[in-house]
Structures are given as structure tokens and as C-alpha cells.
Amino acid sequence: MTDRTEPSFGELRQLLAAVLEAIAIPHPATVGDGEVHDRILLDRVLDARVALEGALHRGDDPGWSADHLRARLAEKPAIGYRAGGEGR
């Protein structure tokens, strides 16, 4: 078993910021846009969950988990639906 020091506040903050980035996508403009929005949000929530579980239960480095989560988010941007407030 490796001797792991506690993560720094900065590392934890980086992970929390990445999780917020994952789940804070714009609300859908219409009910019709809601289905795509919900699918994207669910996918991002699952990725965020994996990152949090890794840091909390498997001892993954929170900074690495944040970077990995952001890479996953970049692979699947929150596009494909009209967000509330966008022009018609």
C-alpha cells in the first residue's frame, strides 16, 4: 500500500470546479430541446460521478481526476440543443 498524503485544498477545488463545469450546462429553450439536454446532462453527471468516486474511494489524485473529467467533457460538448436565452 502506498503512503498517500492528503490532497491539497487546491486539488480538491480543481475537482469541484470540474464537477460544476460538468453539470452547469444551460437550460433548454423549449420542451423539445429538453430531451437532448437531459441526455447530455445525464452523461456528464455519470462522468462526474466516476471522477468523484475515484478521488473518494480509489485514492485517485483529485487534480488528475479533474483533468480526466475535463478531457471527457471536451469529447462530448453540451451542443445539439437550443439553450434558453439563445436567439431563435
N, C-alpha and C. Protein backbone atom coordinates (compact mmCIF):
# COMPACT_ATOMS: atom_id res chain seq x y z
N MET A 1 0.84 -1.17 0.00
CA MET A 1 0.00 0.00 0.00
C MET A 1 0.89 1.24 0.00
N THR A 2 0.56 2.21 -0.84
CA THR A 2 1.38 3.40 -0.92
C THR A 2 0.98 4.40 0.14
N ASP A 3 1.94 5.18 0.59
CA ASP A 3 1.68 6.22 1.57
C ASP A 3 1.26 7.47 0.81
N ARG A 4 0.01 7.82 0.91
CA ARG A 4 -0.52 8.95 0.16
C ARG A 4 -0.84 10.08 1.12
N THR A 5 -0.35 11.26 0.81
CA THR A 5 -0.67 12.42 1.62
C THR A 5 -2.06 12.92 1.26
N GLU A 6 -2.64 13.66 2.15
CA GLU A 6 -3.96 14.22 1.89
C GLU A 6 -3.88 15.22 0.74
N PRO A 7 -4.91 15.26 -0.10
CA PRO A 7 -4.90 16.21 -1.21
C PRO A 7 -4.95 17.65 -0.69
N SER A 8 -4.38 18.54 -1.46
CA SER A 8 -4.39 19.95 -1.07
C SER A 8 -5.76 20.56 -1.35
N PHE A 9 -6.00 21.71 -0.72
CA PHE A 9 -7.23 22.44 -0.97
C PHE A 9 -7.35 22.78 -2.45
N GLY A 10 -6.24 23.16 -3.06
CA GLY A 10 -6.25 23.50 -4.49
C GLY A 10 -6.66 22.34 -5.37
N GLU A 11 -6.17 21.14 -5.04
CA GLU A 11 -6.55 19.95 -5.82
C GLU A 11 -8.04 19.66 -5.68
N LEU A 12 -8.54 19.76 -4.46
CA LEU A 12 -9.96 19.50 -4.23
C LEU A 12 -10.82 20.55 -4.92
N ARG A 13 -10.38 21.79 -4.85
CA ARG A 13 -11.12 22.87 -5.51
C ARG A 13 -11.15 22.65 -7.02
N GLN A 14 -10.04 22.20 -7.58
CA GLN A 14 -9.96 21.92 -9.01
C GLN A 14 -10.97 20.84 -9.40
N LEU A 15 -11.09 19.79 -8.59
CA LEU A 15 -12.04 18.73 -8.87
C LEU A 15 -13.48 19.24 -8.75
N LEU A 16 -13.75 20.00 -7.71
CA LEU A 16 -15.11 20.54 -7.56
C LEU A 16 -15.47 21.48 -8.72
N ALA A 17 -14.52 22.28 -9.17
CA ALA A 17 -14.77 23.17 -10.31
C ALA A 17 -15.07 22.37 -11.58
N ALA A 18 -14.37 21.26 -11.78
CA ALA A 18 -14.62 20.41 -12.95
C ALA A 18 -16.00 19.76 -12.87
N VAL A 19 -16.40 19.35 -11.67
CA VAL A 19 -17.74 18.76 -11.50
C VAL A 19 -18.80 19.82 -11.79
N LEU A 20 -18.61 21.03 -11.29
CA LEU A 20 -19.56 22.10 -11.58
C LEU A 20 -19.62 22.38 -13.08
N GLU A 21 -18.47 22.38 -13.72
CA GLU A 21 -18.40 22.57 -15.17
C GLU A 21 -19.23 21.49 -15.89
N ALA A 22 -19.18 20.29 -15.38
CA ALA A 22 -19.89 19.17 -16.00
C ALA A 22 -21.40 19.33 -15.90
N ILE A 23 -21.88 19.82 -14.78
CA ILE A 23 -23.33 19.82 -14.56
C ILE A 23 -24.00 21.16 -14.80
N ALA A 24 -23.25 22.22 -14.93
CA ALA A 24 -23.83 23.56 -15.11
C ALA A 24 -23.98 23.91 -16.58
N ILE A 25 -24.76 23.12 -17.29
CA ILE A 25 -24.99 23.42 -18.70
C ILE A 25 -26.28 24.23 -18.81
N PRO A 26 -26.41 25.02 -19.87
CA PRO A 26 -27.60 25.87 -20.00
C PRO A 26 -28.90 25.07 -20.04
N HIS A 27 -29.93 25.66 -19.48
CA HIS A 27 -31.26 25.04 -19.53
C HIS A 27 -31.77 25.03 -20.97
N PRO A 28 -32.62 24.07 -21.31
CA PRO A 28 -33.15 24.03 -22.67
C PRO A 28 -34.14 25.16 -22.91
N ALA A 29 -34.19 25.61 -24.16
CA ALA A 29 -35.10 26.70 -24.52
C ALA A 29 -36.55 26.24 -24.58
N THR A 30 -36.76 25.02 -25.02
CA THR A 30 -38.12 24.51 -25.21
C THR A 30 -38.21 23.09 -24.68
N VAL A 31 -39.43 22.62 -24.55
CA VAL A 31 -39.64 21.23 -24.14
C VAL A 31 -38.98 20.29 -25.14
N GLY A 32 -39.04 20.62 -26.41
CA GLY A 32 -38.43 19.79 -27.44
C GLY A 32 -36.92 19.69 -27.29
N ASP A 33 -36.29 20.75 -26.80
CA ASP A 33 -34.84 20.73 -26.57
C ASP A 33 -34.49 19.98 -25.29
N GLY A 34 -35.48 19.76 -24.45
CA GLY A 34 -35.25 19.13 -23.15
C GLY A 34 -34.71 17.72 -23.24
N GLU A 35 -35.15 16.95 -24.21
CA GLU A 35 -34.71 15.56 -24.32
C GLU A 35 -33.20 15.49 -24.59
N VAL A 36 -32.72 16.31 -25.51
CA VAL A 36 -31.29 16.32 -25.82
C VAL A 36 -30.52 16.85 -24.61
N HIS A 37 -31.00 17.93 -24.01
CA HIS A 37 -30.36 18.49 -22.83
C HIS A 37 -30.23 17.45 -21.73
N ASP A 38 -31.31 16.73 -21.46
CA ASP A 38 -31.31 15.74 -20.38
C ASP A 38 -30.34 14.60 -20.66
N ARG A 39 -30.24 14.17 -21.91
CA ARG A 39 -29.30 13.11 -22.27
C ARG A 39 -27.86 13.57 -22.06
N ILE A 40 -27.57 14.79 -22.49
CA ILE A 40 -26.23 15.35 -22.32
C ILE A 40 -25.90 15.49 -20.83
N LEU A 41 -26.84 16.02 -20.07
CA LEU A 41 -26.61 16.23 -18.64
C LEU A 41 -26.40 14.91 -17.92
N LEU A 42 -27.19 13.90 -18.23
CA LEU A 42 -27.02 12.60 -17.59
C LEU A 42 -25.64 12.02 -17.88
N ASP A 43 -25.21 12.12 -19.12
CA ASP A 43 -23.90 11.61 -19.49
C ASP A 43 -22.79 12.33 -18.71
N ARG A 44 -22.92 13.64 -18.55
CA ARG A 44 -21.94 14.43 -17.82
C ARG A 44 -21.98 14.12 -16.32
N VAL A 45 -23.17 13.90 -15.79
CA VAL A 45 -23.29 13.54 -14.38
C VAL A 45 -22.60 12.20 -14.12
N LEU A 46 -22.77 11.25 -15.02
CA LEU A 46 -22.11 9.95 -14.85
C LEU A 46 -20.59 10.10 -14.87
N ASP A 47 -20.07 10.94 -15.77
CA ASP A 47 -18.62 11.17 -15.80
C ASP A 47 -18.15 11.84 -14.51
N ALA A 48 -18.93 12.79 -14.01
CA ALA A 48 -18.57 13.46 -12.76
C ALA A 48 -18.59 12.48 -11.60
N ARG A 49 -19.56 11.60 -11.59
CA ARG A 49 -19.65 10.59 -10.53
C ARG A 49 -18.40 9.70 -10.52
N VAL A 50 -17.98 9.27 -11.70
CA VAL A 50 -16.78 8.43 -11.80
C VAL A 50 -15.56 9.18 -11.23
N ALA A 51 -15.44 10.47 -11.57
CA ALA A 51 -14.32 11.26 -11.08
C ALA A 51 -14.36 11.39 -9.56
N LEU A 52 -15.54 11.64 -9.00
CA LEU A 52 -15.66 11.77 -7.55
C LEU A 52 -15.41 10.45 -6.84
N GLU A 53 -15.96 9.37 -7.38
CA GLU A 53 -15.73 8.05 -6.77
C GLU A 53 -14.25 7.69 -6.80
N GLY A 54 -13.58 8.02 -7.89
CA GLY A 54 -12.15 7.74 -7.98
C GLY A 54 -11.37 8.46 -6.90
N ALA A 55 -11.68 9.74 -6.72
CA ALA A 55 -10.96 10.53 -5.72
C ALA A 55 -11.32 10.11 -4.30
N LEU A 56 -12.58 9.79 -4.07
CA LEU A 56 -13.02 9.47 -2.70
C LEU A 56 -12.78 8.02 -2.29
N HIS A 57 -12.95 7.09 -3.22
CA HIS A 57 -12.92 5.68 -2.85
C HIS A 57 -11.71 4.90 -3.36
N ARG A 58 -11.11 5.36 -4.46
CA ARG A 58 -9.97 4.63 -5.01
C ARG A 58 -8.65 5.34 -4.76
N GLY A 59 -8.71 6.51 -4.17
CA GLY A 59 -7.50 7.25 -3.88
C GLY A 59 -6.87 7.94 -5.07
N ASP A 60 -7.66 8.13 -6.15
CA ASP A 60 -7.13 8.86 -7.30
C ASP A 60 -6.77 10.28 -6.88
N ASP A 61 -5.74 10.81 -7.49
CA ASP A 61 -5.35 12.20 -7.24
C ASP A 61 -6.46 13.12 -7.74
N PRO A 62 -6.97 14.03 -6.89
CA PRO A 62 -8.07 14.91 -7.32
C PRO A 62 -7.72 15.78 -8.52
N GLY A 63 -6.47 16.22 -8.62
CA GLY A 63 -6.06 17.02 -9.77
C GLY A 63 -6.12 16.21 -11.05
N TRP A 64 -5.65 14.97 -10.97
CA TRP A 64 -5.72 14.08 -12.13
C TRP A 64 -7.18 13.81 -12.49
N SER A 65 -8.01 13.56 -11.48
CA SER A 65 -9.43 13.30 -11.73
C SER A 65 -10.10 14.48 -12.41
N ALA A 66 -9.75 15.69 -11.98
CA ALA A 66 -10.31 16.90 -12.60
C ALA A 66 -9.88 17.00 -14.06
N ASP A 67 -8.59 16.77 -14.31
CA ASP A 67 -8.09 16.84 -15.69
C ASP A 67 -8.76 15.78 -16.56
N HIS A 68 -8.91 14.59 -16.02
CA HIS A 68 -9.55 13.50 -16.77
C HIS A 68 -11.02 13.82 -17.06
N LEU A 69 -11.72 14.36 -16.06
CA LEU A 69 -13.12 14.74 -16.26
C LEU A 69 -13.22 15.81 -17.34
N ARG A 70 -12.37 16.80 -17.29
CA ARG A 70 -12.42 17.85 -18.31
C ARG A 70 -12.13 17.31 -19.71
N ALA A 71 -11.24 16.35 -19.80
CA ALA A 71 -10.96 15.71 -21.09
C ALA A 71 -12.19 14.98 -21.60
N ARG A 72 -12.89 14.29 -20.71
CA ARG A 72 -14.12 13.59 -21.10
C ARG A 72 -15.18 14.60 -21.56
N LEU A 73 -15.29 15.72 -20.86
CA LEU A 73 -16.27 16.74 -21.24
C LEU A 73 -15.95 17.35 -22.60
N ALA A 74 -14.68 17.52 -22.88
CA ALA A 74 -14.27 18.08 -24.18
C ALA A 74 -14.62 17.14 -25.32
N GLU A 75 -14.66 15.84 -25.04
CA GLU A 75 -15.02 14.85 -26.06
C GLU A 75 -16.49 14.92 -26.43
N LYS A 76 -17.30 15.42 -25.52
CA LYS A 76 -18.75 15.48 -25.75
C LYS A 76 -19.31 16.79 -25.22
N PRO A 77 -19.13 17.86 -26.00
CA PRO A 77 -19.60 19.17 -25.56
C PRO A 77 -21.13 19.23 -25.46
N ALA A 78 -21.60 20.18 -24.70
CA ALA A 78 -23.05 20.35 -24.49
C ALA A 78 -23.64 21.13 -25.66
N ILE A 79 -23.72 20.46 -26.80
CA ILE A 79 -24.28 21.07 -28.01
C ILE A 79 -25.36 20.15 -28.57
N GLY A 80 -26.13 20.68 -29.50
CA GLY A 80 -27.15 19.86 -30.14
C GLY A 80 -28.56 20.20 -29.69
N TYR A 81 -28.67 21.21 -28.83
CA TYR A 81 -29.98 21.68 -28.41
C TYR A 81 -29.90 23.20 -28.29
N ARG A 82 -31.05 23.83 -28.33
CA ARG A 82 -31.11 25.29 -28.18
C ARG A 82 -31.27 25.61 -26.70
N ALA A 83 -30.36 26.42 -26.20
CA ALA A 83 -30.40 26.79 -24.79
C ALA A 83 -31.31 28.00 -24.59
N GLY A 84 -31.88 28.07 -23.39
CA GLY A 84 -32.73 29.21 -23.05
C GLY A 84 -31.96 30.50 -23.20
N GLY A 85 -32.60 31.53 -23.78
CA GLY A 85 -31.95 32.80 -23.96
C GLY A 85 -31.26 32.95 -25.30
N GLU A 86 -31.12 31.86 -26.06
CA GLU A 86 -30.50 31.95 -27.38
C GLU A 86 -31.51 32.51 -28.37
N GLY A 87 -31.01 33.19 -29.39
CA GLY A 87 -31.88 33.73 -30.44
C GLY A 87 -32.56 32.61 -31.21
N ARG A 88 -33.67 32.91 -31.77
CA ARG A 88 -34.44 31.91 -32.50
C ARG A 88 -34.08 31.89 -33.94
